[in-house]
Amino acid sequence: LQYLSGFGNEHVSEDPRCPGALPEGQNNPQVCPYGLYAEQLSGSAFTCPRPTNKRSWLYRILPSVCHKPFKPLEEGHLTHDWDEIEPDPNQLRWKPFEIPKAPQNKMDFVSGLHTLCGAGEPRGRNGIAVHIFVCNTSMIDRCLYNSDGDFLIVPQQGKLLITTEFGKMLVEPNEICVIQQGMRFSVEVFGETRGYILEVYGAHFELPDLGPIGANGLANPRDFLVPMAWYEDRQVPGGYTVISKYQGKLFAAQQDYSPFNVVAWHGNYTPYKYHLEKFMVINAVAFDHADPSIFTVLTAKTTRAGVALADFVIFPPRWGVANNTFRPPYYHRNCMSEFMGLIKGHYEAKEEGFQPGGGSLHSMMTPHGPDADCFEKASKAKLEPERVADGTMAFMFESSLSLAVTKWGLQTSNRLDKSYYKCWEPLKSHFNPKCK
């Protein structure tokens, strides 16, 4: 697979089987090369300022309007009903989410979507949702597009071969990809597969501003990869299913051809992927901690300056060198909601109970921090330069919204670790009024 480089760039791409498929000098000629149809995909209002205007032109064998009417489709455990169960302000942690076994229980990417928590409302175009996906079979003659918002997909086990209208992407654990609103995609898997999804309504992901860091650092724009044009001219007499996630519900329409029939495209509204190992870490090199916002890969902003609808933050391998400093994450109460997941390895603040494929949620103003073992070890450790998180990749979905947990998350999944709170019970007082 080949890719184009750059975040938010104006790209152009043609399938090499049809050179000259892109019209010259205009978007919508009377007759397109090769007898193609021109179709615009808009990711922003037409009148958005130029720096935030997102759109791409697709040149396809048939326009996407050629389908039968949409009909409701069973949603399974996908939801945006945040009132189905009473709120729970406790520290929550989940054991690794179970992947169904094939062939007894075949499950593809769509049928394997499970909503864990969220807030807001897709019709109001403001909110987020956190989903878990577990699957063991590929999507066959069916695709999905999200009318509600963007999907940031974090595979944890198993690689994903994602076919989009723009081309193909291979996304492996320790990589992420973003499928933006309205883009049709299908997921092929190669065995038991699991991962996390951050869905945002009403905003697109951006690179965070760097401020005093300067022009370089964190996730560099050139490291984001966009698929190159690829098409299939394939008839599907038995029916191809196009699934729409619309106002939180799923709907399916039938058509007799593959939707991945885009021969060429140009624009700045595309799917993209990024390898987390390319993140340039910024960290404290004297004493104390810098806030974890220095590990932000992507952000979806609100209209309030500096306040994110959602941030995607990682905790990658790095050096710890701070003097006279308790180096693990400190104890904390936050006006934001923090969902954490683990792709691989052992998270430094909770090496035992927090496992790859599981997760934790620390809600607004709910206290959290290192467990008792971590505190005791770090308080007595000899402070030398040390490698932190080698072989590990943890991440956080952080939001300014107060997240509600679904019934599936609290009950049906049967993965909630009800003993989580016990990791702090051994903490003891070291207070001595006679010793400063």
Protein backbone atom coordinates (compact mmCIF):
# COMPACT_ATOMS: atom_id res chain seq x y z
CA LEU A 1 0.00 0.00 0.00
CA GLN A 2 1.14 3.52 -0.79
CA TYR A 3 0.18 6.73 0.99
CA LEU A 4 0.26 10.50 0.64
CA SER A 5 1.93 12.45 3.43
CA GLY A 6 0.71 15.40 5.46
CA PHE A 7 -2.03 16.42 7.89
CA GLY A 8 -4.87 18.43 6.35
CA ASN A 9 -3.03 18.90 3.06
CA GLU A 10 -4.66 19.52 -0.30
CA HIS A 11 -4.00 16.16 -1.93
CA VAL A 12 -4.64 14.84 -5.42
CA SER A 13 -4.71 11.15 -6.30
CA GLU A 14 -5.57 9.00 -9.31
CA ASP A 15 -5.68 5.24 -9.60
CA PRO A 16 -2.73 4.54 -11.95
CA ARG A 17 -4.99 2.35 -14.09
CA CYS A 18 -6.76 5.53 -15.26
CA PRO A 19 -4.20 8.30 -15.82
CA GLY A 20 -5.73 11.71 -16.37
CA ALA A 21 -8.93 10.86 -14.47
CA LEU A 22 -8.83 14.16 -12.58
CA PRO A 23 -10.39 17.02 -14.56
CA GLU A 24 -7.98 19.84 -15.32
CA GLY A 25 -8.71 23.36 -14.15
CA GLN A 26 -12.18 22.73 -12.71
CA ASN A 27 -14.09 20.47 -10.34
CA ASN A 28 -17.29 19.72 -12.25
CA PRO A 29 -16.89 19.66 -16.04
CA GLN A 30 -19.84 18.92 -18.31
CA VAL A 31 -18.31 15.53 -19.06
CA CYS A 32 -15.69 14.04 -16.74
CA PRO A 33 -12.77 11.98 -18.07
CA TYR A 34 -13.54 8.27 -18.54
CA GLY A 35 -17.26 9.02 -18.22
CA LEU A 36 -17.01 9.40 -14.44
CA TYR A 37 -19.41 11.22 -12.14
CA ALA A 38 -18.21 14.17 -10.05
CA GLU A 39 -19.35 14.18 -6.41
CA GLN A 40 -18.35 16.57 -3.63
CA LEU A 41 -18.02 15.39 -0.02
CA SER A 42 -18.25 18.37 2.35
CA GLY A 43 -16.86 18.11 5.87
CA SER A 44 -17.64 21.72 6.81
CA ALA A 45 -20.14 24.43 5.97
CA PHE A 46 -19.51 25.96 2.54
CA THR A 47 -18.89 29.34 4.17
CA CYS A 48 -16.36 28.28 6.81
CA PRO A 49 -13.15 30.36 6.79
CA ARG A 50 -10.61 28.95 4.38
CA PRO A 51 -8.31 27.50 7.11
CA THR A 52 -11.20 25.37 8.45
CA ASN A 53 -12.98 24.60 5.18
CA LYS A 54 -12.98 20.86 4.44
CA ARG A 55 -14.10 19.22 1.24
CA SER A 56 -13.00 16.71 -1.35
CA TRP A 57 -14.11 16.00 -4.92
CA LEU A 58 -14.57 12.33 -5.83
CA TYR A 59 -14.69 11.06 -9.43
CA ARG A 60 -16.58 7.80 -9.40
CA ILE A 61 -18.09 5.20 -11.68
CA LEU A 62 -21.56 5.70 -10.17
CA PRO A 63 -22.61 8.40 -7.68
CA SER A 64 -23.36 7.28 -4.14
CA VAL A 65 -27.01 8.32 -4.54
CA CYS A 66 -27.76 5.08 -6.41
CA HIS A 67 -29.21 2.90 -3.65
CA LYS A 68 -32.53 1.60 -2.35
CA PRO A 69 -34.21 3.38 0.60
CA PHE A 70 -32.61 3.05 4.03
CA LYS A 71 -34.35 0.81 6.56
CA PRO A 72 -33.68 0.46 10.30
CA LEU A 73 -30.98 -2.03 11.29
CA GLU A 74 -30.58 -3.65 14.69
CA GLU A 75 -28.04 -1.60 16.64
CA GLY A 76 -26.92 -4.27 19.08
CA HIS A 77 -24.95 -2.53 21.83
CA LEU A 78 -24.46 0.77 19.98
CA THR A 79 -26.30 3.58 21.77
CA HIS A 80 -26.38 7.25 22.69
CA ASP A 81 -28.95 6.83 25.47
CA TRP A 82 -27.01 8.23 28.39
CA ASP A 83 -29.97 7.90 30.80
CA GLU A 84 -30.56 4.14 30.55
CA ILE A 85 -28.87 3.60 33.93
CA GLU A 86 -28.14 5.72 36.99
CA PRO A 87 -24.88 7.75 36.99
CA ASP A 88 -21.86 6.27 38.75
CA PRO A 89 -19.18 8.71 40.01
CA ASN A 90 -16.82 5.95 41.21
CA GLN A 91 -13.42 5.17 39.77
CA LEU A 92 -14.17 2.53 37.14
CA ARG A 93 -11.88 -0.03 35.60
CA TRP A 94 -12.62 -2.77 33.08
CA LYS A 95 -10.82 -6.04 32.52
CA PRO A 96 -9.90 -6.78 28.87
CA PHE A 97 -13.07 -6.88 26.80
CA GLU A 98 -13.86 -10.36 25.52
CA ILE A 99 -13.60 -11.14 21.81
CA PRO A 100 -16.22 -13.63 20.57
CA LYS A 101 -14.96 -16.91 19.17
CA ALA A 102 -15.50 -17.76 15.52
CA PRO A 103 -17.15 -19.63 13.88
CA GLN A 104 -19.65 -20.11 16.73
CA ASN A 105 -20.30 -16.37 16.95
CA LYS A 106 -19.18 -14.51 13.85
CA MET A 107 -18.97 -10.79 14.43
CA ASP A 108 -17.65 -8.09 12.12
CA PHE A 109 -16.62 -4.52 12.89
CA VAL A 110 -20.17 -3.12 12.80
CA SER A 111 -21.87 -5.88 14.76
CA GLY A 112 -18.94 -5.74 17.22
CA LEU A 113 -19.44 -2.08 18.20
CA HIS A 114 -20.25 -1.61 21.90
CA THR A 115 -20.79 1.84 23.42
CA LEU A 116 -19.07 2.21 26.77
CA CYS A 117 -19.72 5.83 27.73
CA GLY A 118 -20.45 9.25 26.30
CA ALA A 119 -22.26 12.57 26.56
CA GLY A 120 -24.09 14.99 24.31
CA GLU A 121 -26.40 14.39 21.41
CA PRO A 122 -25.63 13.78 17.73
CA ARG A 123 -28.65 15.77 16.52
CA GLY A 124 -27.36 18.82 18.38
CA ARG A 125 -23.87 18.23 16.88
CA ASN A 126 -22.14 18.41 20.26
CA GLY A 127 -20.86 15.42 22.15
CA ILE A 128 -18.65 12.36 22.19
CA ALA A 129 -18.92 8.61 22.64
CA VAL A 130 -16.36 5.96 23.55
CA HIS A 131 -16.90 2.59 21.89
CA ILE A 132 -15.17 -0.77 22.15
CA PHE A 133 -15.01 -2.94 19.04
CA VAL A 134 -14.48 -6.70 19.13
CA CYS A 135 -14.67 -8.80 15.98
CA ASN A 136 -13.46 -12.00 14.38
CA THR A 137 -14.60 -11.75 10.77
CA SER A 138 -14.33 -9.26 7.93
CA MET A 139 -17.12 -7.09 6.58
CA ILE A 140 -18.29 -8.83 3.41
CA ASP A 141 -20.18 -6.76 0.83
CA ARG A 142 -21.12 -4.15 3.38
CA CYS A 143 -19.71 -0.82 4.48
CA LEU A 144 -20.39 1.80 7.13
CA TYR A 145 -20.48 5.57 7.16
CA ASN A 146 -21.03 7.79 10.17
CA SER A 147 -23.44 10.69 9.63
CA ASP A 148 -23.04 11.77 13.26
CA GLY A 149 -19.33 12.50 13.50
CA ASP A 150 -15.73 11.32 13.22
CA PHE A 151 -14.32 7.97 14.36
CA LEU A 152 -10.81 7.89 15.83
CA ILE A 153 -9.96 4.17 15.78
CA VAL A 154 -7.29 2.67 18.07
CA PRO A 155 -6.63 -1.01 17.29
CA GLN A 156 -5.29 -2.95 20.28
CA GLN A 157 -5.21 -6.56 19.03
CA GLY A 158 -5.14 -7.53 15.37
CA LYS A 159 -4.55 -5.38 12.32
CA LEU A 160 -7.28 -3.70 10.27
CA LEU A 161 -7.27 -3.45 6.48
CA ILE A 162 -9.63 -0.55 5.93
CA THR A 163 -11.01 0.11 2.46
CA THR A 164 -12.36 3.63 2.02
CA GLU A 165 -13.68 5.64 -0.88
CA PHE A 166 -10.25 7.30 -0.98
CA GLY A 167 -8.22 4.07 -1.01
CA LYS A 168 -6.91 1.43 1.39
CA MET A 169 -5.13 1.74 4.74
CA LEU A 170 -3.50 -0.98 6.82
CA VAL A 171 -3.77 0.00 10.50
CA GLU A 172 -1.93 -2.09 13.09
CA PRO A 173 -1.74 -1.88 16.89
CA ASN A 174 0.31 1.19 17.90
CA GLU A 175 -1.18 3.04 14.93
CA ILE A 176 -4.42 5.02 14.85
CA CYS A 177 -6.68 6.12 12.04
CA VAL A 178 -9.43 8.69 11.67
CA ILE A 179 -12.46 8.13 9.45
CA GLN A 180 -14.19 11.47 9.19
CA GLN A 181 -17.91 12.13 9.01
CA GLY A 182 -19.65 10.70 5.96
CA MET A 183 -16.78 8.60 4.61
CA ARG A 184 -17.72 5.06 3.63
CA PHE A 185 -15.41 2.32 4.81
CA SER A 186 -15.21 -1.43 5.23
CA VAL A 187 -12.97 -3.33 7.66
CA GLU A 188 -11.14 -6.58 6.93
CA VAL A 189 -9.62 -8.45 9.89
CA PHE A 190 -7.27 -11.42 10.16
CA GLY A 191 -8.44 -13.16 13.32
CA GLU A 192 -9.60 -12.07 16.74
CA THR A 193 -9.50 -8.27 16.79
CA ARG A 194 -10.16 -5.64 19.45
CA GLY A 195 -9.78 -1.91 19.90
CA TYR A 196 -11.17 1.43 21.03
CA ILE A 197 -13.03 4.22 19.24
CA LEU A 198 -13.41 7.88 20.17
CA GLU A 199 -16.37 9.39 18.32
CA VAL A 200 -16.85 13.17 18.25
CA TYR A 201 -19.99 14.96 17.12
CA GLY A 202 -19.76 18.47 15.71
CA ALA A 203 -15.99 18.94 15.47
CA HIS A 204 -13.07 17.50 13.54
CA PHE A 205 -9.72 16.49 14.97
CA GLU A 206 -6.85 18.96 14.64
CA LEU A 207 -3.22 19.05 15.62
CA PRO A 208 -2.88 20.91 18.94
CA ASP A 209 -1.30 24.35 18.93
CA LEU A 210 2.34 24.29 20.04
CA GLY A 211 2.66 27.69 21.71
CA PRO A 212 6.08 28.16 23.34
CA ILE A 213 7.18 24.70 22.17
CA GLY A 214 7.74 26.31 18.78
CA ALA A 215 7.29 25.11 15.24
CA ASN A 216 8.13 21.42 15.77
CA GLY A 217 7.27 18.64 18.17
CA LEU A 218 4.51 16.32 19.34
CA ALA A 219 2.81 14.80 16.27
CA ASN A 220 4.45 16.26 13.18
CA PRO A 221 2.15 16.89 10.20
CA ARG A 222 4.29 15.01 7.68
CA ASP A 223 3.89 11.75 9.61
CA PHE A 224 0.15 11.51 8.91
CA LEU A 225 -0.64 9.27 5.95
CA VAL A 226 -3.57 9.44 3.55
CA PRO A 227 -4.54 6.55 1.24
CA MET A 228 -3.98 6.79 -2.49
CA ALA A 229 -6.88 6.38 -4.93
CA TRP A 230 -7.97 2.80 -5.60
CA TYR A 231 -11.20 1.64 -7.19
CA GLU A 232 -13.10 -1.52 -7.96
CA ASP A 233 -15.69 -1.70 -10.72
CA ARG A 234 -17.61 -4.58 -9.18
CA GLN A 235 -21.24 -5.52 -9.53
CA VAL A 236 -22.86 -7.23 -6.54
CA PRO A 237 -26.02 -8.94 -7.84
CA GLY A 238 -26.81 -10.34 -4.40
CA GLY A 239 -26.83 -6.83 -2.95
CA TYR A 240 -24.23 -4.63 -1.33
CA THR A 241 -25.27 -3.21 2.08
CA VAL A 242 -24.48 0.40 2.92
CA ILE A 243 -24.92 1.09 6.64
CA SER A 244 -25.48 4.61 7.93
CA LYS A 245 -25.04 5.61 11.55
CA TYR A 246 -27.58 8.41 11.70
CA GLN A 247 -28.79 10.20 14.84
CA GLY A 248 -27.29 7.41 16.91
CA LYS A 249 -29.17 4.65 15.09
CA LEU A 250 -28.14 2.26 12.32
CA PHE A 251 -29.86 2.09 8.94
CA ALA A 252 -29.11 -0.14 5.95
CA ALA A 253 -29.64 0.41 2.22
CA GLN A 254 -29.04 -2.02 -0.62
CA GLN A 255 -27.28 -1.37 -3.91
CA ASP A 256 -25.99 -3.65 -6.65
CA TYR A 257 -22.41 -2.32 -6.92
CA SER A 258 -19.38 -1.66 -4.73
CA PRO A 259 -19.25 1.86 -3.24
CA PHE A 260 -15.45 1.82 -3.55
CA ASN A 261 -15.62 2.96 -7.15
CA VAL A 262 -13.73 6.26 -6.85
CA VAL A 263 -11.15 6.40 -9.65
CA ALA A 264 -9.64 9.75 -8.61
CA TRP A 265 -10.09 12.43 -5.97
CA HIS A 266 -8.68 15.71 -4.75
CA GLY A 267 -9.21 17.79 -1.63
CA ASN A 268 -8.34 18.15 2.05
CA TYR A 269 -11.15 16.07 3.61
CA THR A 270 -9.77 12.54 3.81
CA PRO A 271 -9.27 9.57 6.08
CA TYR A 272 -5.78 9.31 7.55
CA LYS A 273 -3.56 7.22 9.81
CA TYR A 274 -0.63 7.86 12.16
CA HIS A 275 1.98 5.68 13.87
CA LEU A 276 2.29 6.53 17.56
CA GLU A 277 6.02 5.75 17.62
CA LYS A 278 6.59 8.89 15.52
CA PHE A 279 5.38 11.15 18.35
CA MET A 280 8.10 13.58 19.47
CA VAL A 281 7.86 13.57 23.25
CA ILE A 282 8.20 16.80 25.24
CA ASN A 283 8.90 16.36 28.95
CA ALA A 284 10.22 17.96 32.14
CA VAL A 285 14.02 17.89 32.36
CA ALA A 286 14.58 19.71 35.68
CA PHE A 287 11.92 19.01 38.32
CA ASP A 288 8.18 18.44 38.78
CA HIS A 289 5.72 17.43 36.06
CA ALA A 290 4.54 19.15 32.94
CA ASP A 291 0.80 18.71 32.52
CA PRO A 292 -0.18 15.62 30.48
CA SER A 293 -1.50 17.90 27.74
CA ILE A 294 2.09 17.83 26.41
CA PHE A 295 1.29 14.31 25.19
CA THR A 296 -1.71 15.38 23.04
CA VAL A 297 -1.69 13.85 19.56
CA LEU A 298 -5.01 15.21 18.26
CA THR A 299 -7.65 17.54 19.65
CA ALA A 300 -11.26 18.33 18.79
CA LYS A 301 -11.87 21.88 19.97
CA THR A 302 -14.92 23.59 21.44
CA THR A 303 -15.80 27.25 20.94
CA ARG A 304 -14.17 28.00 24.33
CA ALA A 305 -10.50 28.77 23.92
CA GLY A 306 -8.30 26.03 25.31
CA VAL A 307 -11.18 23.70 26.21
CA ALA A 308 -11.43 20.51 24.19
CA LEU A 309 -14.48 18.55 23.27
CA ALA A 310 -12.02 15.65 23.20
CA ASP A 311 -8.26 15.17 23.29
CA PHE A 312 -6.40 12.05 22.24
CA VAL A 313 -3.37 11.77 24.51
CA ILE A 314 -0.67 9.07 24.64
CA PHE A 315 1.94 8.03 27.22
CA PRO A 316 4.79 6.73 25.08
CA PRO A 317 8.26 5.41 25.98
CA ARG A 318 10.49 8.28 27.15
CA TRP A 319 13.22 9.28 29.58
CA GLY A 320 12.46 10.35 33.14
CA VAL A 321 15.13 12.68 34.58
CA ALA A 322 13.35 15.07 36.95
CA ASN A 323 15.23 15.77 40.19
CA ASN A 324 13.62 15.69 43.64
CA THR A 325 10.35 14.68 42.00
CA PHE A 326 7.75 11.96 42.49
CA ARG A 327 7.90 10.77 38.91
CA PRO A 328 4.74 8.70 38.28
CA PRO A 329 1.45 10.54 37.65
CA TYR A 330 0.43 12.50 40.72
CA TYR A 331 -2.85 12.24 42.64
CA HIS A 332 -5.41 14.28 40.84
CA ARG A 333 -8.98 15.59 40.67
CA ASN A 334 -9.95 17.00 37.30
CA CYS A 335 -12.71 19.13 35.79
CA MET A 336 -12.38 16.91 32.71
CA SER A 337 -13.38 13.26 32.15
CA GLU A 338 -10.52 10.80 31.57
CA PHE A 339 -10.97 7.44 29.82
CA MET A 340 -7.76 5.44 29.58
CA GLY A 341 -6.91 2.40 27.50
CA LEU A 342 -3.81 0.27 27.14
CA ILE A 343 -2.56 -0.96 23.77
CA LYS A 344 0.40 -2.93 25.10
CA GLY A 345 2.73 -3.29 28.07
CA HIS A 346 2.32 -2.22 31.71
CA TYR A 347 1.12 1.27 32.65
CA GLU A 348 3.56 2.80 35.14
CA ALA A 349 1.01 3.91 37.74
CA LYS A 350 -0.92 0.62 37.90
CA GLU A 351 1.19 -2.27 36.68
CA GLU A 352 -1.09 -5.09 37.84
CA GLY A 353 -4.81 -4.47 37.35
CA PHE A 354 -4.74 -2.24 34.26
CA GLN A 355 -4.40 -4.61 31.30
CA PRO A 356 -4.14 -4.30 27.50
CA GLY A 357 -7.60 -4.39 25.97
CA GLY A 358 -9.22 -3.07 29.14
CA GLY A 359 -9.88 0.48 30.26
CA SER A 360 -10.60 2.88 33.08
CA LEU A 361 -12.78 5.95 33.56
CA HIS A 362 -12.11 8.68 36.09
CA SER A 363 -15.05 11.02 35.93
CA MET A 364 -15.21 14.72 36.69
CA MET A 365 -13.68 15.52 40.08
CA THR A 366 -13.34 11.84 40.98
CA PRO A 367 -9.92 11.45 42.63
CA HIS A 368 -7.39 9.07 41.11
CA GLY A 369 -3.68 8.41 40.96
CA PRO A 370 -1.02 5.74 41.45
CA ASP A 371 -1.83 2.65 43.47
CA ALA A 372 -0.23 1.98 46.84
CA ASP A 373 2.61 -0.18 45.49
CA CYS A 374 3.56 2.42 42.90
CA PHE A 375 3.55 5.21 45.49
CA GLU A 376 5.80 3.34 47.92
CA LYS A 377 8.30 2.30 45.24
CA ALA A 378 8.49 5.74 43.62
CA SER A 379 8.83 7.52 46.97
CA LYS A 380 11.93 5.47 47.80
CA ALA A 381 13.46 5.10 44.34
CA LYS A 382 16.95 6.37 43.61
CA LEU A 383 16.47 9.27 41.21
CA GLU A 384 18.60 8.50 38.19
CA PRO A 385 17.84 8.97 34.50
CA GLU A 386 15.54 6.08 33.64
CA ARG A 387 13.54 4.80 30.73
CA VAL A 388 9.82 5.10 31.35
CA ALA A 389 7.16 2.96 29.64
CA ASP A 390 9.49 0.95 27.40
CA GLY A 391 7.35 -1.62 25.56
CA THR A 392 4.22 0.19 26.67
CA MET A 393 1.64 2.38 24.99
CA ALA A 394 -1.20 3.76 27.08
CA PHE A 395 -3.58 6.46 25.88
CA MET A 396 -6.31 8.73 27.16
CA PHE A 397 -9.51 10.10 25.69
CA GLU A 398 -10.04 13.32 27.69
CA SER A 399 -13.19 15.42 27.42
CA SER A 400 -14.69 18.55 28.91
CA LEU A 401 -18.03 16.71 28.96
CA SER A 402 -19.26 14.66 31.91
CA LEU A 403 -19.48 11.11 30.56
CA ALA A 404 -22.29 8.69 31.37
CA VAL A 405 -21.55 4.96 31.34
CA THR A 406 -23.92 2.66 29.46
CA LYS A 407 -25.73 -0.34 30.86
CA TRP A 408 -23.48 -2.52 28.71
CA GLY A 409 -20.43 -0.94 30.32
CA LEU A 410 -21.63 -1.27 33.90
CA GLN A 411 -23.52 -4.57 33.70
CA THR A 412 -23.94 -6.48 30.45
CA SER A 413 -20.26 -6.66 29.48
CA ASN A 414 -19.47 -8.34 32.81
CA ARG A 415 -15.95 -6.88 32.58
CA LEU A 416 -16.17 -4.21 35.30
CA ASP A 417 -13.49 -4.70 37.95
CA LYS A 418 -15.50 -4.21 41.14
CA SER A 419 -12.39 -4.39 43.30
CA TYR A 420 -10.64 -1.44 41.61
CA TYR A 421 -10.98 0.81 44.64
CA LYS A 422 -8.94 -1.64 46.72
CA CYS A 423 -5.70 -0.65 44.95
CA TRP A 424 -5.68 2.54 47.08
CA GLU A 425 -6.74 0.98 50.40
CA PRO A 426 -3.16 0.09 51.47
CA LEU A 427 -2.12 3.76 51.28
CA LYS A 428 -1.08 4.83 54.76
CA SER A 429 -0.32 8.09 56.49
CA HIS A 430 3.33 9.12 56.62
CA PHE A 431 2.54 12.32 58.48
CA ASN A 432 4.96 13.24 61.28
CA PRO A 433 4.51 16.73 62.78
CA LYS A 434 8.01 16.53 64.29
CA CYS A 435 9.76 15.84 61.02
CA LYS A 436 9.80 18.55 58.37
